[in-house]
Amino acid sequence: MKSGQLPKELARIWARQLKPMAWEKRVLLINDFHENLQEMIPDFEEFCDVFPAIVMETLNLISEDEITCDAQAHIFANSADQGHRLVAGAWFRSHGGGH
């Protein structure tokens, strides 16, 4: 598999696993995916390119664009898609920063 295909291939797998879950469980599983992916891609710069792309592709497949909770906003904030990051930032600003 070419590295350009990796985000789309992993996103299909992630989306299948995440779709039936609530956002609170999704964020925990994405944290696990994050750690595993860091082991798979030890080059930090490459990891920083790939992980946000996978998150973006996964969110596009899940297709739930209206943020309804902090967990969802945290995931959106890690997307390569600027629109995802903007709505996450707006959520955190209007909901006390998410902390």
PDB file of N, CA and C in Angstrom:
ATOM      1  N   MET A   1       0.848  -1.180   0.000  1.00  0.00           N
ATOM      2  CA  MET A   1       0.000   0.000   0.000  1.00  0.00           C
ATOM      3  C   MET A   1       0.890   1.239   0.000  1.00  0.00           C
ATOM      4  N   LYS A   2       0.611   2.163  -0.895  1.00  0.00           N
ATOM      5  CA  LYS A   2       1.353   3.415  -0.953  1.00  0.00           C
ATOM      6  C   LYS A   2       0.971   4.272   0.244  1.00  0.00           C
ATOM      7  N   SER A   3       1.930   5.092   0.731  1.00  0.00           N
ATOM      8  CA  SER A   3       1.658   5.897   1.926  1.00  0.00           C
ATOM      9  C   SER A   3       0.516   6.874   1.706  1.00  0.00           C
ATOM     10  N   GLY A   4       0.285   7.317   0.468  1.00  0.00           N
ATOM     11  CA  GLY A   4      -0.837   8.199   0.182  1.00  0.00           C
ATOM     12  C   GLY A   4      -2.181   7.518   0.362  1.00  0.00           C
ATOM     13  N   GLN A   5      -2.201   6.195   0.246  1.00  0.00           N
ATOM     14  CA  GLN A   5      -3.436   5.435   0.426  1.00  0.00           C
ATOM     15  C   GLN A   5      -3.699   5.102   1.892  1.00  0.00           C
ATOM     16  N   LEU A   6      -2.670   5.149   2.714  1.00  0.00           N
ATOM     17  CA  LEU A   6      -2.786   4.750   4.112  1.00  0.00           C
ATOM     18  C   LEU A   6      -3.917   5.460   4.848  1.00  0.00           C
ATOM     19  N   PRO A   7      -4.025   6.799   4.766  1.00  0.00           N
ATOM     20  CA  PRO A   7      -5.120   7.457   5.498  1.00  0.00           C
ATOM     21  C   PRO A   7      -6.505   6.952   5.090  1.00  0.00           C
ATOM     22  N   LYS A   8      -6.740   6.776   3.801  1.00  0.00           N
ATOM     23  CA  LYS A   8      -8.058   6.324   3.348  1.00  0.00           C
ATOM     24  C   LYS A   8      -8.334   4.886   3.777  1.00  0.00           C
ATOM     25  N   GLU A   9      -7.328   4.025   3.686  1.00  0.00           N
ATOM     26  CA  GLU A   9      -7.508   2.623   4.079  1.00  0.00           C
ATOM     27  C   GLU A   9      -7.765   2.505   5.582  1.00  0.00           C
ATOM     28  N   LEU A  10      -6.953   3.187   6.383  1.00  0.00           N
ATOM     29  CA  LEU A  10      -7.143   3.132   7.836  1.00  0.00           C
ATOM     30  C   LEU A  10      -8.445   3.817   8.247  1.00  0.00           C
ATOM     31  N   ALA A  11      -8.813   4.882   7.562  1.00  0.00           N
ATOM     32  CA  ALA A  11     -10.066   5.570   7.886  1.00  0.00           C
ATOM     33  C   ALA A  11     -11.264   4.648   7.688  1.00  0.00           C
ATOM     34  N   ARG A  12     -11.234   3.839   6.646  1.00  0.00           N
ATOM     35  CA  ARG A  12     -12.347   2.896   6.428  1.00  0.00           C
ATOM     36  C   ARG A  12     -12.449   1.923   7.608  1.00  0.00           C
ATOM     37  N   ILE A  13     -11.307   1.443   8.081  1.00  0.00           N
ATOM     38  CA  ILE A  13     -11.290   0.520   9.221  1.00  0.00           C
ATOM     39  C   ILE A  13     -11.759   1.241  10.483  1.00  0.00           C
ATOM     40  N   TRP A  14     -11.202   2.423  10.738  1.00  0.00           N
ATOM     41  CA  TRP A  14     -11.565   3.191  11.937  1.00  0.00           C
ATOM     42  C   TRP A  14     -13.045   3.538  11.937  1.00  0.00           C
ATOM     43  N   ALA A  15     -13.551   4.011  10.798  1.00  0.00           N
ATOM     44  CA  ALA A  15     -14.951   4.434  10.728  1.00  0.00           C
ATOM     45  C   ALA A  15     -15.889   3.269  11.011  1.00  0.00           C
ATOM     46  N   ARG A  16     -15.561   2.097  10.488  1.00  0.00           N
ATOM     47  CA  ARG A  16     -16.392   0.905  10.748  1.00  0.00           C
ATOM     48  C   ARG A  16     -16.450   0.609  12.244  1.00  0.00           C
ATOM     49  N   GLN A  17     -15.305   0.736  12.922  1.00  0.00           N
ATOM     50  CA  GLN A  17     -15.258   0.453  14.355  1.00  0.00           C
ATOM     51  C   GLN A  17     -15.915   1.558  15.168  1.00  0.00           C
ATOM     52  N   LEU A  18     -15.750   2.799  14.753  1.00  0.00           N
ATOM     53  CA  LEU A  18     -16.219   3.942  15.539  1.00  0.00           C
ATOM     54  C   LEU A  18     -17.692   4.284  15.339  1.00  0.00           C
ATOM     55  N   LYS A  19     -18.219   4.046  14.163  1.00  0.00           N
ATOM     56  CA  LYS A  19     -19.578   4.491  13.811  1.00  0.00           C
ATOM     57  C   LYS A  19     -20.636   4.108  14.853  1.00  0.00           C
ATOM     58  N   PRO A  20     -20.652   2.874  15.359  1.00  0.00           N
ATOM     59  CA  PRO A  20     -21.715   2.524  16.306  1.00  0.00           C
ATOM     60  C   PRO A  20     -21.499   3.061  17.731  1.00  0.00           C
ATOM     61  N   MET A  21     -20.384   3.707  17.983  1.00  0.00           N
ATOM     62  CA  MET A  21     -20.042   4.154  19.345  1.00  0.00           C
ATOM     63  C   MET A  21     -20.464   5.594  19.598  1.00  0.00           C
ATOM     64  N   ALA A  22     -20.617   5.927  20.868  1.00  0.00           N
ATOM     65  CA  ALA A  22     -20.814   7.313  21.287  1.00  0.00           C
ATOM     66  C   ALA A  22     -19.461   8.035  21.193  1.00  0.00           C
ATOM     67  N   TRP A  23     -19.510   9.356  21.118  1.00  0.00           N
ATOM     68  CA  TRP A  23     -18.282  10.137  20.968  1.00  0.00           C
ATOM     69  C   TRP A  23     -17.303   9.915  22.113  1.00  0.00           C
ATOM     70  N   GLU A  24     -17.791   9.735  23.320  1.00  0.00           N
ATOM     71  CA  GLU A  24     -16.907   9.532  24.467  1.00  0.00           C
ATOM     72  C   GLU A  24     -16.077   8.254  24.293  1.00  0.00           C
ATOM     73  N   LYS A  25     -16.675   7.212  23.740  1.00  0.00           N
ATOM     74  CA  LYS A  25     -15.944   5.965  23.475  1.00  0.00           C
ATOM     75  C   LYS A  25     -15.053   6.117  22.245  1.00  0.00           C
ATOM     76  N   ARG A  26     -15.524   6.878  21.266  1.00  0.00           N
ATOM     77  CA  ARG A  26     -14.729   7.104  20.059  1.00  0.00           C
ATOM     78  C   ARG A  26     -13.401   7.785  20.394  1.00  0.00           C
ATOM     79  N   VAL A  27     -13.454   8.791  21.254  1.00  0.00           N
ATOM     80  CA  VAL A  27     -12.218   9.516  21.568  1.00  0.00           C
ATOM     81  C   VAL A  27     -11.219   8.602  22.281  1.00  0.00           C
ATOM     82  N   LEU A  28     -11.694   7.711  23.123  1.00  0.00           N
ATOM     83  CA  LEU A  28     -10.798   6.758  23.795  1.00  0.00           C
ATOM     84  C   LEU A  28     -10.147   5.807  22.795  1.00  0.00           C
ATOM     85  N   LEU A  29     -10.943   5.332  21.854  1.00  0.00           N
ATOM     86  CA  LEU A  29     -10.396   4.418  20.851  1.00  0.00           C
ATOM     87  C   LEU A  29      -9.428   5.143  19.916  1.00  0.00           C
ATOM     88  N   ILE A  30      -9.732   6.381  19.565  1.00  0.00           N
ATOM     89  CA  ILE A  30      -8.814   7.147  18.713  1.00  0.00           C
ATOM     90  C   ILE A  30      -7.505   7.408  19.445  1.00  0.00           C
ATOM     91  N   ASN A  31      -7.570   7.613  20.755  1.00  0.00           N
ATOM     92  CA  ASN A  31      -6.327   7.750  21.526  1.00  0.00           C
ATOM     93  C   ASN A  31      -5.482   6.480  21.420  1.00  0.00           C
ATOM     94  N   ASP A  32      -6.136   5.323  21.478  1.00  0.00           N
ATOM     95  CA  ASP A  32      -5.421   4.050  21.300  1.00  0.00           C
ATOM     96  C   ASP A  32      -4.854   3.948  19.891  1.00  0.00           C
ATOM     97  N   PHE A  33      -5.660   4.313  18.881  1.00  0.00           N
ATOM     98  CA  PHE A  33      -5.181   4.297  17.493  1.00  0.00           C
ATOM     99  C   PHE A  33      -3.956   5.196  17.352  1.00  0.00           C
ATOM    100  N   HIS A  34      -4.010   6.366  17.994  1.00  0.00           N
ATOM    101  CA  HIS A  34      -2.920   7.337  17.950  1.00  0.00           C
ATOM    102  C   HIS A  34      -1.623   6.695  18.445  1.00  0.00           C
ATOM    103  N   GLU A  35      -1.686   6.048  19.586  1.00  0.00           N
ATOM    104  CA  GLU A  35      -0.501   5.409  20.161  1.00  0.00           C
ATOM    105  C   GLU A  35       0.027   4.293  19.260  1.00  0.00           C
ATOM    106  N   ASN A  36      -0.880   3.460  18.740  1.00  0.00           N
ATOM    107  CA  ASN A  36      -0.470   2.368  17.858  1.00  0.00           C
ATOM    108  C   ASN A  36       0.141   2.892  16.569  1.00  0.00           C
ATOM    109  N   LEU A  37      -0.434   3.955  16.034  1.00  0.00           N
ATOM    110  CA  LEU A  37       0.081   4.521  14.793  1.00  0.00           C
ATOM    111  C   LEU A  37       1.465   5.122  15.001  1.00  0.00           C
ATOM    112  N   GLN A  38       1.701   5.706  16.165  1.00  0.00           N
ATOM    113  CA  GLN A  38       3.033   6.241  16.463  1.00  0.00           C
ATOM    114  C   GLN A  38       4.081   5.135  16.424  1.00  0.00           C
ATOM    115  N   GLU A  39       3.718   3.947  16.871  1.00  0.00           N
ATOM    116  CA  GLU A  39       4.638   2.812  16.816  1.00  0.00           C
ATOM    117  C   GLU A  39       4.847   2.351  15.375  1.00  0.00           C
ATOM    118  N   MET A  40       3.779   2.393  14.576  1.00  0.00           N
ATOM    119  CA  MET A  40       3.870   1.980  13.179  1.00  0.00           C
ATOM    120  C   MET A  40       4.663   2.970  12.329  1.00  0.00           C
ATOM    121  N   ILE A  41       4.572   4.254  12.678  1.00  0.00           N
ATOM    122  CA  ILE A  41       5.231   5.318  11.913  1.00  0.00           C
ATOM    123  C   ILE A  41       6.156   6.079  12.863  1.00  0.00           C
ATOM    124  N   PRO A  42       7.369   5.584  13.073  1.00  0.00           N
ATOM    125  CA  PRO A  42       8.266   6.218  14.040  1.00  0.00           C
ATOM    126  C   PRO A  42       8.788   7.593  13.606  1.00  0.00           C
ATOM    127  N   ASP A  43       8.758   7.898  12.317  1.00  0.00           N
ATOM    128  CA  ASP A  43       9.184   9.209  11.845  1.00  0.00           C
ATOM    129  C   ASP A  43       8.118  10.234  12.233  1.00  0.00           C
ATOM    130  N   PHE A  44       8.457  11.148  13.152  1.00  0.00           N
ATOM    131  CA  PHE A  44       7.475  12.068  13.720  1.00  0.00           C
ATOM    132  C   PHE A  44       6.831  12.953  12.663  1.00  0.00           C
ATOM    133  N   GLU A  45       7.617  13.449  11.726  1.00  0.00           N
ATOM    134  CA  GLU A  45       7.078  14.325  10.685  1.00  0.00           C
ATOM    135  C   GLU A  45       6.058  13.577   9.823  1.00  0.00           C
ATOM    136  N   GLU A  46       6.384  12.353   9.456  1.00  0.00           N
ATOM    137  CA  GLU A  46       5.447  11.548   8.674  1.00  0.00           C
ATOM    138  C   GLU A  46       4.180  11.259   9.484  1.00  0.00           C
ATOM    139  N   PHE A  47       4.367  10.912  10.759  1.00  0.00           N
ATOM    140  CA  PHE A  47       3.219  10.664  11.630  1.00  0.00           C
ATOM    141  C   PHE A  47       2.306  11.894  11.682  1.00  0.00           C
ATOM    142  N   CYS A  48       2.907  13.073  11.806  1.00  0.00           N
ATOM    143  CA  CYS A  48       2.134  14.320  11.901  1.00  0.00           C
ATOM    144  C   CYS A  48       1.404  14.648  10.603  1.00  0.00           C
ATOM    145  N   ASP A  49       1.818  14.065   9.502  1.00  0.00           N
ATOM    146  CA  ASP A  49       1.091  14.199   8.237  1.00  0.00           C
ATOM    147  C   ASP A  49      -0.036  13.180   8.143  1.00  0.00           C
ATOM    148  N   VAL A  50       0.249  11.953   8.572  1.00  0.00           N
ATOM    149  CA  VAL A  50      -0.678  10.844   8.372  1.00  0.00           C
ATOM    150  C   VAL A  50      -1.837  10.865   9.370  1.00  0.00           C
ATOM    151  N   PHE A  51      -1.553  11.052  10.663  1.00  0.00           N
ATOM    152  CA  PHE A  51      -2.616  10.959  11.663  1.00  0.00           C
ATOM    153  C   PHE A  51      -3.767  11.940  11.404  1.00  0.00           C
ATOM    154  N   PRO A  52      -3.489  13.234  11.203  1.00  0.00           N
ATOM    155  CA  PRO A  52      -4.600  14.155  10.939  1.00  0.00           C
ATOM    156  C   PRO A  52      -5.376  13.804   9.663  1.00  0.00           C
ATOM    157  N   ALA A  53      -4.683  13.266   8.668  1.00  0.00           N
ATOM    158  CA  ALA A  53      -5.363  12.867   7.429  1.00  0.00           C
ATOM    159  C   ALA A  53      -6.307  11.694   7.690  1.00  0.00           C
ATOM    160  N   ILE A  54      -5.886  10.755   8.529  1.00  0.00           N
ATOM    161  CA  ILE A  54      -6.751   9.624   8.873  1.00  0.00           C
ATOM    162  C   ILE A  54      -7.963  10.117   9.655  1.00  0.00           C
ATOM    163  N   VAL A  55      -7.745  11.025  10.594  1.00  0.00           N
ATOM    164  CA  VAL A  55      -8.858  11.572  11.372  1.00  0.00           C
ATOM    165  C   VAL A  55      -9.853  12.274  10.439  1.00  0.00           C
ATOM    166  N   MET A  56      -9.342  13.067   9.509  1.00  0.00           N
ATOM    167  CA  MET A  56     -10.207  13.771   8.567  1.00  0.00           C
ATOM    168  C   MET A  56     -11.040  12.782   7.746  1.00  0.00           C
ATOM    169  N   GLU A  57     -10.373  11.796   7.174  1.00  0.00           N
ATOM    170  CA  GLU A  57     -11.079  10.804   6.353  1.00  0.00           C
ATOM    171  C   GLU A  57     -12.104  10.036   7.188  1.00  0.00           C
ATOM    172  N   THR A  58     -11.747   9.700   8.419  1.00  0.00           N
ATOM    173  CA  THR A  58     -12.663   8.978   9.305  1.00  0.00           C
ATOM    174  C   THR A  58     -13.895   9.816   9.604  1.00  0.00           C
ATOM    175  N   LEU A  59     -13.688  11.085   9.939  1.00  0.00           N
ATOM    176  CA  LEU A  59     -14.823  11.972  10.218  1.00  0.00           C
ATOM    177  C   LEU A  59     -15.710  12.126   8.989  1.00  0.00           C
ATOM    178  N   ASN A  60     -15.109  12.196   7.819  1.00  0.00           N
ATOM    179  CA  ASN A  60     -15.905  12.307   6.595  1.00  0.00           C
ATOM    180  C   ASN A  60     -16.765  11.062   6.396  1.00  0.00           C
ATOM    181  N   LEU A  61     -16.249   9.902   6.750  1.00  0.00           N
ATOM    182  CA  LEU A  61     -17.011   8.659   6.609  1.00  0.00           C
ATOM    183  C   LEU A  61     -18.102   8.531   7.674  1.00  0.00           C
ATOM    184  N   ILE A  62     -17.821   9.007   8.878  1.00  0.00           N
ATOM    185  CA  ILE A  62     -18.818   8.950   9.949  1.00  0.00           C
ATOM    186  C   ILE A  62     -19.954   9.932   9.676  1.00  0.00           C
ATOM    187  N   SER A  63     -19.630  11.062   9.066  1.00  0.00           N
ATOM    188  CA  SER A  63     -20.625  12.053   8.622  1.00  0.00           C
ATOM    189  C   SER A  63     -21.507  12.593   9.741  1.00  0.00           C
ATOM    190  N   GLU A  64     -20.907  13.022  10.818  1.00  0.00           N
ATOM    191  CA  GLU A  64     -21.629  13.703  11.900  1.00  0.00           C
ATOM    192  C   GLU A  64     -20.919  15.018  12.154  1.00  0.00           C
ATOM    193  N   ASP A  65     -21.305  16.036  11.385  1.00  0.00           N
ATOM    194  CA  ASP A  65     -20.558  17.283  11.358  1.00  0.00           C
ATOM    195  C   ASP A  65     -20.935  18.299  12.429  1.00  0.00           C
ATOM    196  N   GLU A  66     -22.103  18.157  13.031  1.00  0.00           N
ATOM    197  CA  GLU A  66     -22.502  19.095  14.076  1.00  0.00           C
ATOM    198  C   GLU A  66     -21.942  18.613  15.408  1.00  0.00           C
ATOM    199  N   ILE A  67     -21.059  19.407  16.001  1.00  0.00           N
ATOM    200  CA  ILE A  67     -20.426  19.009  17.257  1.00  0.00           C
ATOM    201  C   ILE A  67     -21.424  19.126  18.397  1.00  0.00           C
ATOM    202  N   THR A  68     -21.495  18.067  19.195  1.00  0.00           N
ATOM    203  CA  THR A  68     -22.471  18.001  20.285  1.00  0.00           C
ATOM    204  C   THR A  68     -21.841  17.760  21.651  1.00  0.00           C
ATOM    205  N   CYS A  69     -20.500  17.539  21.699  1.00  0.00           N
ATOM    206  CA  CYS A  69     -19.853  17.278  22.985  1.00  0.00           C
ATOM    207  C   CYS A  69     -18.345  17.526  22.882  1.00  0.00           C
ATOM    208  N   ASP A  70     -17.700  17.642  24.041  1.00  0.00           N
ATOM    209  CA  ASP A  70     -16.255  17.886  24.078  1.00  0.00           C
ATOM    210  C   ASP A  70     -15.462  16.769  23.392  1.00  0.00           C
ATOM    211  N   ALA A  71     -15.869  15.523  23.592  1.00  0.00           N
ATOM    212  CA  ALA A  71     -15.133  14.399  22.995  1.00  0.00           C
ATOM    213  C   ALA A  71     -15.106  14.520  21.476  1.00  0.00           C
ATOM    214  N   GLN A  72     -16.239  14.861  20.901  1.00  0.00           N
ATOM    215  CA  GLN A  72     -16.313  15.035  19.448  1.00  0.00           C
ATOM    216  C   GLN A  72     -15.432  16.208  19.018  1.00  0.00           C
ATOM    217  N   ALA A  73     -15.463  17.300  19.761  1.00  0.00           N
ATOM    218  CA  ALA A  73     -14.643  18.472  19.427  1.00  0.00           C
ATOM    219  C   ALA A  73     -13.158  18.133  19.485  1.00  0.00           C
ATOM    220  N   HIS A  74     -12.753  17.310  20.444  1.00  0.00           N
ATOM    221  CA  HIS A  74     -11.346  16.911  20.539  1.00  0.00           C
ATOM    222  C   HIS A  74     -10.915  16.139  19.294  1.00  0.00           C
ATOM    223  N   ILE A  75     -11.778  15.274  18.806  1.00  0.00           N
ATOM    224  CA  ILE A  75     -11.459  14.516  17.597  1.00  0.00           C
ATOM    225  C   ILE A  75     -11.386  15.470  16.401  1.00  0.00           C
ATOM    226  N   PHE A  76     -12.375  16.345  16.268  1.00  0.00           N
ATOM    227  CA  PHE A  76     -12.373  17.297  15.162  1.00  0.00           C
ATOM    228  C   PHE A  76     -11.122  18.182  15.187  1.00  0.00           C
ATOM    229  N   ALA A  77     -10.655  18.525  16.375  1.00  0.00           N
ATOM    230  CA  ALA A  77      -9.472  19.377  16.497  1.00  0.00           C
ATOM    231  C   ALA A  77      -8.205  18.704  15.964  1.00  0.00           C
ATOM    232  N   ASN A  78      -8.217  17.392  15.831  1.00  0.00           N
ATOM    233  CA  ASN A  78      -7.057  16.653  15.331  1.00  0.00           C
ATOM    234  C   ASN A  78      -7.138  16.340  13.841  1.00  0.00           C
ATOM    235  N   SER A  79      -8.145  16.855  13.168  1.00  0.00           N
ATOM    236  CA  SER A  79      -8.339  16.595  11.743  1.00  0.00           C
ATOM    237  C   SER A  79      -7.434  17.469  10.885  1.00  0.00           C
ATOM    238  N   ALA A  80      -7.065  16.941   9.725  1.00  0.00           N
ATOM    239  CA  ALA A  80      -6.312  17.722   8.740  1.00  0.00           C
ATOM    240  C   ALA A  80      -7.204  18.759   8.066  1.00  0.00           C
ATOM    241  N   ASP A  81      -8.509  18.614   8.189  1.00  0.00           N
ATOM    242  CA  ASP A  81      -9.462  19.520   7.552  1.00  0.00           C
ATOM    243  C   ASP A  81      -9.610  20.790   8.382  1.00  0.00           C
ATOM    244  N   GLN A  82      -9.300  21.915   7.788  1.00  0.00           N
ATOM    245  CA  GLN A  82      -9.389  23.185   8.503  1.00  0.00           C
ATOM    246  C   GLN A  82     -10.812  23.456   8.988  1.00  0.00           C
ATOM    247  N   GLY A  83     -11.809  23.080   8.219  1.00  0.00           N
ATOM    248  CA  GLY A  83     -13.193  23.273   8.630  1.00  0.00           C
ATOM    249  C   GLY A  83     -13.510  22.515   9.907  1.00  0.00           C
ATOM    250  N   HIS A  84     -13.004  21.283  10.017  1.00  0.00           N
ATOM    251  CA  HIS A  84     -13.192  20.511  11.248  1.00  0.00           C
ATOM    252  C   HIS A  84     -12.556  21.230  12.434  1.00  0.00           C
ATOM    253  N   ARG A  85     -11.336  21.716  12.228  1.00  0.00           N
ATOM    254  CA  ARG A  85     -10.630  22.395  13.323  1.00  0.00           C
ATOM    255  C   ARG A  85     -11.328  23.691  13.726  1.00  0.00           C
ATOM    256  N   LEU A  86     -11.879  24.397  12.747  1.00  0.00           N
ATOM    257  CA  LEU A  86     -12.582  25.648  13.047  1.00  0.00           C
ATOM    258  C   LEU A  86     -13.836  25.408  13.877  1.00  0.00           C
ATOM    259  N   VAL A  87     -14.624  24.383  13.516  1.00  0.00           N
ATOM    260  CA  VAL A  87     -15.833  24.125  14.306  1.00  0.00           C
ATOM    261  C   VAL A  87     -15.469  23.598  15.694  1.00  0.00           C
ATOM    262  N   ALA A  88     -14.364  22.867  15.800  1.00  0.00           N
ATOM    263  CA  ALA A  88     -13.906  22.412  17.126  1.00  0.00           C
ATOM    264  C   ALA A  88     -13.523  23.617  17.982  1.00  0.00           C
ATOM    265  N   GLY A  89     -12.779  24.554  17.395  1.00  0.00           N
ATOM    266  CA  GLY A  89     -12.390  25.759  18.122  1.00  0.00           C
ATOM    267  C   GLY A  89     -13.595  26.565  18.573  1.00  0.00           C
ATOM    268  N   ALA A  90     -14.582  26.671  17.694  1.00  0.00           N
ATOM    269  CA  ALA A  90     -15.812  27.401  18.042  1.00  0.00           C
ATOM    270  C   ALA A  90     -16.535  26.702  19.188  1.00  0.00           C
ATOM    271  N   TRP A  91     -16.575  25.368  19.147  1.00  0.00           N
ATOM    272  CA  TRP A  91     -17.215  24.612  20.228  1.00  0.00           C
ATOM    273  C   TRP A  91     -16.518  24.907  21.553  1.00  0.00           C
ATOM    274  N   PHE A  92     -15.184  24.806  21.558  1.00  0.00           N
ATOM    275  CA  PHE A  92     -14.444  25.023  22.809  1.00  0.00           C
ATOM    276  C   PHE A  92     -14.619  26.436  23.321  1.00  0.00           C
ATOM    277  N   ARG A  93     -14.617  27.426  22.432  1.00  0.00           N
ATOM    278  CA  ARG A  93     -14.809  28.817  22.865  1.00  0.00           C
ATOM    279  C   ARG A  93     -16.189  29.021  23.486  1.00  0.00           C
ATOM    280  N   SER A  94     -17.192  28.386  22.921  1.00  0.00           N
ATOM    281  CA  SER A  94     -18.549  28.592  23.433  1.00  0.00           C
ATOM    282  C   SER A  94     -18.910  27.667  24.603  1.00  0.00           C
ATOM    283  N   HIS A  95     -18.038  26.712  24.908  1.00  0.00           N
ATOM    284  CA  HIS A  95     -18.324  25.758  25.991  1.00  0.00           C
ATOM    285  C   HIS A  95     -17.202  25.714  27.024  1.00  0.00           C
ATOM    286  N   GLY A  96     -16.579  26.844  27.250  1.00  0.00           N
ATOM    287  CA  GLY A  96     -15.600  26.945  28.313  1.00  0.00           C
ATOM    288  C   GLY A  96     -14.263  26.274  28.053  1.00  0.00           C
ATOM    289  N   GLY A  97     -13.889  26.120  26.810  1.00  0.00           N
ATOM    290  CA  GLY A  97     -12.552  25.605  26.501  1.00  0.00           C
ATOM    291  C   GLY A  97     -12.418  24.110  26.513  1.00  0.00           C
ATOM    292  N   GLY A  98     -13.426  23.380  26.902  1.00  0.00           N
ATOM    293  CA  GLY A  98     -13.384  21.923  26.846  1.00  0.00           C
ATOM    294  C   GLY A  98     -12.568  21.268  27.934  1.00  0.00           C
ATOM    295  N   HIS A  99     -12.207  22.028  28.955  1.00  0.00           N
ATOM    296  CA  HIS A  99     -11.397  21.423  30.031  1.00  0.00           C
ATOM    297  C   HIS A  99     -12.135  21.462  31.339  1.00  0.00           C
TER     298      HIS A  99
END
